[in-house]
Amino acid sequence: MQGRTRTVYTRDRERLLVRQWDPKGKVRFVACVAHGGAEHSGRYARVAGWLTDLGGVVFAPDHRGQGQSDGTPGHVSSFSVYGDDIEDVCASVADALPADCQPDAVPWFFYGHSMGALIGLTYLLDRGSEHPFVGGIFSAPLLGLKMKVPAYKRIVGELAARIIPRLTLPAGIPPEAICRDNDEIARYRNDPHRVTKVSAQWFVSMNEAITRVEQELMRLTLPMLWYIGLADQICDPAEQQRMFATLPNPAGNDQTLHRFEGYYHELHNEPELLRKPVRDLAVSWVRERLQQVEASDP
């Protein structure tokens, strides 16, 4: 599905490429999609299609240092900077949308995959109630690496972050670990816009963000759907489940964790028959919350 692109400048004047997909009929909601690490928003046309079919305007930035956005490739000084970028992109998109697409007119949802889910969780912790979203979907959130980093590499990375924070090293994500669809694996391997390295400071910032979510996740009361693949070779499903279990009142706050047995990291890019239950889950979750909102409108 073809989208259109726009340019958004962040508060520190970095240029971000933002993709947008529009529904064919009436707009029922707006969704912000945050992609994972070592990829870009152009890989989310499929997810955007799920949401536009429901009546959603969908927009997705390439994070700074990723895809076709500005910034040192694979580098960020803190995950809070990604959160600031999300805020700036939301404001810019809202300014360009008509009045009937504003957060006070239709629901806004967040969808984040992997690193994008971690960005979303830290963003929500930073903003408290000061954000436009009424709910969020978090796919395979980056809350611990399944591919463990040797202790000596962790120490070297932490030292490098203090001395040469922009020093980059291979991200180490084998294409065959993302999913089991051979066409998707080939596209990922040959993608010219995929950043394949991360900086020492990015690695330290990732660990700081994970620690923060571990310590503060219980503060979030936003309705959330988490879904994970139990055969994920990139992000650790045990850590995802452990942290979700710290939420104090998931039933009361409409917070759900769904496990897909045998699924890899990019659940939305698994082979078609496996992909359908993921699509059905995400679409049903959004549809149910839309119906709740629309039923409460006078």
Foldseek 3Di string as FASTA:
>chain_A
DDWDWDWFAAPVGWIKIKTKDFAPDAAAAEEEEEEAAQAFPVVCPLVVVLVSVVRYIYMYIGFDLAFPTHHPNQEDQALVVSLSVVVRVLVVVQVVDDPCHHLVNHAYEYEYAACRLLSVLVSCVVQPPNDSHQEYEYELYALAWLPDDDPVVLVVLVVCCVPPQQDKDFPPDQLCQAEPDPVSSVCSVPPPRGRGIHTSSSVVNSNVSSVVCQVPVLSDLRAYEYEYECSENTHHVVSVVVSVVPNDCCPVSNYYYHYDYPTYRNQCPYPDVSNVVVSVVVSVVVVVVSVVVVVPDD
